[in-house]
C-alpha cells in the first residue's frame, strides 16, 4: 500500500480529494497504458468515446483518465472543484480498464510535458501512449515543449467532430508527417519508438464541455 499523501501540503482546493485519486495508478510490467488528460469540466460522453476507442484500437491494458487540477493561482471561476470533476468522471465510466486519477495535484505539476516526464520516470518498464482528441491537435504546437512530447511519447489522436482536417493541416501533423502510422497499424503504436503517431477515426459525439457549461449557466 502506498503512503498517504500529506494533504496539508496541498492547496486548500484539493484537500477534499480522496487519497486514492492522489496516487499515480499502478500497472504490471510491460503494460500498454494510454494517458488521457484534461480538465473534464465537465466530463461527457464524447470523452468516454475517445477513451473507449483508444482502448479498443490501440490494444491498451489500461487508460489513465487524468483529471487536471488546474492552477489555483489563476482565475478558475469556470472550473468546477477537482473532487466534483472526479466524481462526475467516475459516474460516466463503466470500463474497469479506465482509471480516474488526479495525481497531478499531489506533484503540483503545471504543464503536460512535466506530467508526462513524471509518468515516464515512475514507469520505465511500461509502454506509454499520449491520447488526445483531434480538437486539440490544431493548437498542440502552442503547448509547452510540445515537440519534446512528440519526440518522447507515441501519440494517438482520436477524431472529434469538425477536426478531421487537423490530421493534415496542424503544425504537428506536418512537422512529424514521416512518423505517422497507417490507421490499420494503430495496435502497434504503444510499442513504437517515438516520434510515432496515428490518427484514429471512429464514433463521434457532438458534446463539448464548453457547450455544457453554457447550458448550465443559462438554465
Protein backbone atom coordinates (compact mmCIF):
# COMPACT_ATOMS: atom_id res chain seq x y z
CA UNK A 1 0.00 0.00 0.00
CA UNK A 2 1.28 3.44 -0.87
CA UNK A 3 1.95 6.00 1.81
CA UNK A 4 -0.87 8.53 2.15
CA UNK A 5 -0.40 11.93 0.55
CA UNK A 6 0.05 14.75 3.05
CA UNK A 7 -3.00 16.80 2.15
CA UNK A 8 -1.91 19.69 4.36
CA UNK A 9 0.83 20.36 1.80
CA UNK A 10 -1.74 20.71 -0.99
CA UNK A 11 -3.68 23.85 -1.89
CA UNK A 12 -6.94 24.11 0.03
CA UNK A 13 -8.94 23.47 -3.17
CA UNK A 14 -7.55 19.93 -3.43
CA UNK A 15 -7.76 18.80 0.18
CA UNK A 16 -11.18 17.16 -0.17
CA UNK A 17 -9.94 14.77 -2.88
CA UNK A 18 -9.92 11.14 -1.75
CA UNK A 19 -6.46 9.66 -1.17
CA UNK A 20 -6.81 7.04 -3.87
CA UNK A 21 -7.02 9.66 -6.60
CA UNK A 22 -3.90 11.47 -5.43
CA UNK A 23 -1.64 8.50 -6.23
CA UNK A 24 -0.44 7.55 -9.69
CA UNK A 25 -2.20 4.34 -10.81
CA UNK A 26 -0.20 1.12 -10.89
CA UNK A 27 0.17 -1.36 -13.73
CA UNK A 28 2.15 -4.55 -14.32
CA UNK A 29 5.50 -4.56 -16.09
CA UNK A 30 5.08 -4.34 -19.85
CA UNK A 31 1.54 -2.97 -19.69
CA UNK A 32 0.28 -0.75 -22.50
CA UNK A 33 -1.12 2.38 -20.90
CA UNK A 34 -2.97 5.26 -22.53
CA UNK A 35 -2.65 8.65 -20.83
CA UNK A 36 -5.75 10.80 -21.41
CA UNK A 37 -5.63 14.15 -19.65
CA UNK A 38 -7.95 17.13 -19.47
CA UNK A 39 -9.90 19.42 -17.21
CA UNK A 40 -13.09 17.38 -17.82
CA UNK A 41 -15.11 20.45 -16.90
CA UNK A 42 -17.50 18.72 -17.09
CA UNK A 43 -16.73 15.24 -18.43
CA UNK A 44 -19.18 13.96 -21.03
CA UNK A 45 -19.97 11.10 -23.40
CA UNK A 46 -17.55 12.46 -26.01
CA UNK A 47 -14.66 11.94 -23.59
CA UNK A 48 -15.82 8.39 -22.94
CA UNK A 49 -15.92 7.68 -26.68
CA UNK A 50 -12.31 8.85 -27.02
CA UNK A 51 -11.21 6.68 -24.09
CA UNK A 52 -13.05 3.56 -25.24
CA UNK A 53 -11.89 3.94 -28.84
CA UNK A 54 -8.29 4.30 -27.66
CA UNK A 55 -8.57 1.16 -25.54
CA UNK A 56 -10.03 -0.83 -28.42
CA UNK A 57 -7.91 0.35 -31.34
CA UNK A 58 -4.58 0.68 -29.51
CA UNK A 59 -4.90 -2.63 -27.67
CA UNK A 60 -4.32 -0.96 -24.31
CA UNK A 61 -4.31 -2.72 -20.95
CA UNK A 62 -5.24 0.46 -19.09
CA UNK A 63 -6.22 4.05 -19.77
CA UNK A 64 -5.47 6.69 -17.13
CA UNK A 65 -8.18 9.36 -17.15
CA UNK A 66 -6.11 12.18 -15.70
CA UNK A 67 -8.28 14.97 -14.29
CA UNK A 68 -6.12 18.09 -14.38
CA UNK A 69 -6.35 20.04 -11.13
CA UNK A 70 -5.90 23.47 -12.71
CA UNK A 71 -3.72 26.20 -11.32
CA UNK A 72 -5.17 27.62 -8.06
CA UNK A 73 -3.15 30.82 -8.59
CA UNK A 74 -5.03 31.61 -11.82
CA UNK A 75 -8.63 32.58 -12.44
CA UNK A 76 -10.61 29.38 -12.18
CA UNK A 77 -14.08 30.91 -12.00
CA UNK A 78 -15.48 28.42 -14.52
CA UNK A 79 -13.55 25.44 -13.19
CA UNK A 80 -15.58 23.09 -11.02
CA UNK A 81 -13.88 21.69 -7.90
CA UNK A 82 -11.45 18.87 -8.62
CA UNK A 83 -13.36 16.43 -6.41
CA UNK A 84 -16.58 17.17 -8.34
CA UNK A 85 -14.94 16.58 -11.72
CA UNK A 86 -13.51 13.30 -10.44
CA UNK A 87 -16.93 12.16 -9.18
CA UNK A 88 -18.64 13.11 -12.46
CA UNK A 89 -15.97 11.21 -14.38
CA UNK A 90 -16.47 8.10 -12.28
CA UNK A 91 -20.23 8.28 -12.88
CA UNK A 92 -19.65 8.12 -16.65
CA UNK A 93 -17.16 5.27 -16.73
CA UNK A 94 -18.04 1.59 -16.68
CA UNK A 95 -14.92 0.02 -18.22
CA UNK A 96 -12.68 -1.29 -15.42
CA UNK A 97 -9.59 -0.64 -17.54
CA UNK A 98 -10.16 3.11 -17.21
CA UNK A 99 -8.60 4.54 -14.05
CA UNK A 100 -9.65 8.02 -12.96
CA UNK A 101 -6.78 9.83 -11.28
CA UNK A 102 -5.76 13.30 -10.13
CA UNK A 103 -2.18 12.52 -9.14
CA UNK A 104 -1.03 15.77 -10.77
CA UNK A 105 -2.45 17.59 -7.76
CA UNK A 106 -0.03 15.76 -5.46
CA UNK A 107 3.03 16.69 -7.52
CA UNK A 108 1.67 20.16 -8.38
CA UNK A 109 2.97 19.99 -11.94
CA UNK A 110 1.88 22.76 -14.28
CA UNK A 111 2.43 21.57 -17.84
CA UNK A 112 1.55 18.37 -19.69
CA UNK A 113 5.21 17.94 -20.62
CA UNK A 114 6.10 17.86 -16.92
CA UNK A 115 3.32 15.36 -16.18
CA UNK A 116 4.47 13.04 -18.94
CA UNK A 117 8.08 13.23 -17.81
CA UNK A 118 6.92 12.35 -14.30
CA UNK A 119 4.89 9.36 -15.50
CA UNK A 120 7.81 8.03 -17.54
CA UNK A 121 10.16 8.44 -14.58
CA UNK A 122 7.88 6.27 -12.42
CA UNK A 123 7.03 3.77 -15.17
CA UNK A 124 10.21 2.99 -17.14
CA UNK A 125 9.04 -0.58 -17.73
CA UNK A 126 5.63 0.25 -19.28
CA UNK A 127 4.52 1.16 -22.82
CA UNK A 128 3.01 4.64 -22.59
CA UNK A 129 0.86 6.44 -25.16
CA UNK A 130 -0.43 10.01 -25.03
CA UNK A 131 -4.09 10.07 -26.11
CA UNK A 132 -5.67 13.30 -27.32
CA UNK A 133 -8.79 14.40 -29.13
CA UNK A 134 -8.26 15.82 -32.61
CA UNK A 135 -9.82 19.10 -31.49
CA UNK A 136 -6.61 19.74 -29.53
CA UNK A 137 -4.30 18.91 -32.42
CA UNK A 138 -4.57 22.27 -34.21
CA UNK A 139 -3.28 24.06 -31.10
CA UNK A 140 -0.86 21.39 -29.95
CA UNK A 141 2.16 23.38 -31.16
CA UNK A 142 1.30 26.10 -28.64
CA UNK A 143 1.72 23.70 -25.72
CA UNK A 144 4.83 23.96 -23.56
CA UNK A 145 7.56 21.71 -25.05
CA UNK A 146 5.07 20.16 -27.47
CA UNK A 147 7.78 18.92 -29.80
CA UNK A 148 9.57 17.23 -26.90
CA UNK A 149 6.30 15.44 -26.07
CA UNK A 150 6.05 14.25 -29.68
CA UNK A 151 9.65 13.02 -29.65
CA UNK A 152 9.22 11.21 -26.34
CA UNK A 153 5.74 9.69 -26.46
CA UNK A 154 3.83 7.81 -29.13
CA UNK A 155 0.65 9.84 -29.68
CA UNK A 156 -2.84 8.64 -30.58
CA UNK A 157 -5.11 11.34 -32.00
CA UNK A 158 -8.81 10.43 -31.87
CA UNK A 159 -11.15 12.20 -34.27
CA UNK A 160 -13.65 14.72 -32.96
CA UNK A 161 -16.45 16.49 -34.86
CA UNK A 162 -15.07 19.00 -37.34
CA UNK A 163 -11.45 18.12 -36.59
CA UNK A 164 -10.52 15.66 -39.32
CA UNK A 165 -8.54 18.29 -41.25
CA UNK A 166 -6.27 18.65 -38.23
CA UNK A 167 -4.62 15.40 -39.25
CA UNK A 168 -3.30 17.14 -42.34
CA UNK A 169 -3.17 20.85 -41.54
CA UNK A 170 -1.80 21.05 -37.99
CA UNK A 171 1.80 22.03 -37.34
CA UNK A 172 2.36 18.76 -35.51
CA UNK A 173 1.00 16.66 -38.39
CA UNK A 174 3.19 18.46 -40.89
CA UNK A 175 6.36 18.51 -38.81
CA UNK A 176 6.05 14.83 -37.88
CA UNK A 177 4.47 13.57 -41.10
CA UNK A 178 7.16 10.91 -41.54
CA UNK A 179 6.32 9.49 -38.10
CA UNK A 180 2.64 8.90 -38.85
CA UNK A 181 1.48 5.28 -38.80
CA UNK A 182 -1.30 3.95 -41.02
CA UNK A 183 -4.53 3.74 -39.05
CA UNK A 184 -4.57 -0.01 -39.67
CA UNK A 185 -1.38 -0.25 -37.58
CA UNK A 186 -2.82 1.55 -34.55
CA UNK A 187 -2.40 -1.54 -32.36
CA UNK A 188 1.36 -1.32 -32.89
CA UNK A 189 1.65 2.28 -31.67
CA UNK A 190 2.29 1.56 -27.98
CA UNK A 191 5.45 -0.37 -28.72
CA UNK A 192 6.83 2.06 -31.31
CA UNK A 193 9.74 4.32 -30.53
CA UNK A 194 8.77 7.99 -30.61
CA UNK A 195 8.21 10.01 -32.65
CA UNK A 196 5.25 7.96 -33.78
CA UNK A 197 1.61 8.91 -34.06
CA UNK A 198 -1.65 7.73 -35.54
CA UNK A 199 -4.98 9.37 -36.36
CA UNK A 200 -7.93 7.17 -35.44
CA UNK A 201 -11.45 7.51 -36.83
CA UNK A 202 -14.49 6.21 -35.00
CA UNK A 203 -17.86 7.13 -33.49
CA UNK A 204 -18.13 10.79 -32.52
CA UNK A 205 -20.18 12.88 -30.12
CA UNK A 206 -21.18 16.49 -30.70
CA UNK A 207 -20.99 17.22 -26.98
CA UNK A 208 -18.40 19.67 -25.66
CA UNK A 209 -17.57 20.81 -22.14
CA UNK A 210 -17.89 24.46 -23.18
CA UNK A 211 -21.42 23.94 -24.51
CA UNK A 212 -22.44 22.03 -21.40
CA UNK A 213 -21.16 24.82 -19.14
CA UNK A 214 -23.05 27.40 -21.21
CA UNK A 215 -26.23 25.33 -20.95
CA UNK A 216 -25.82 25.03 -17.20
CA UNK A 217 -25.23 28.76 -16.88
CA UNK A 218 -28.36 29.51 -18.87
CA UNK A 219 -30.63 27.10 -17.02
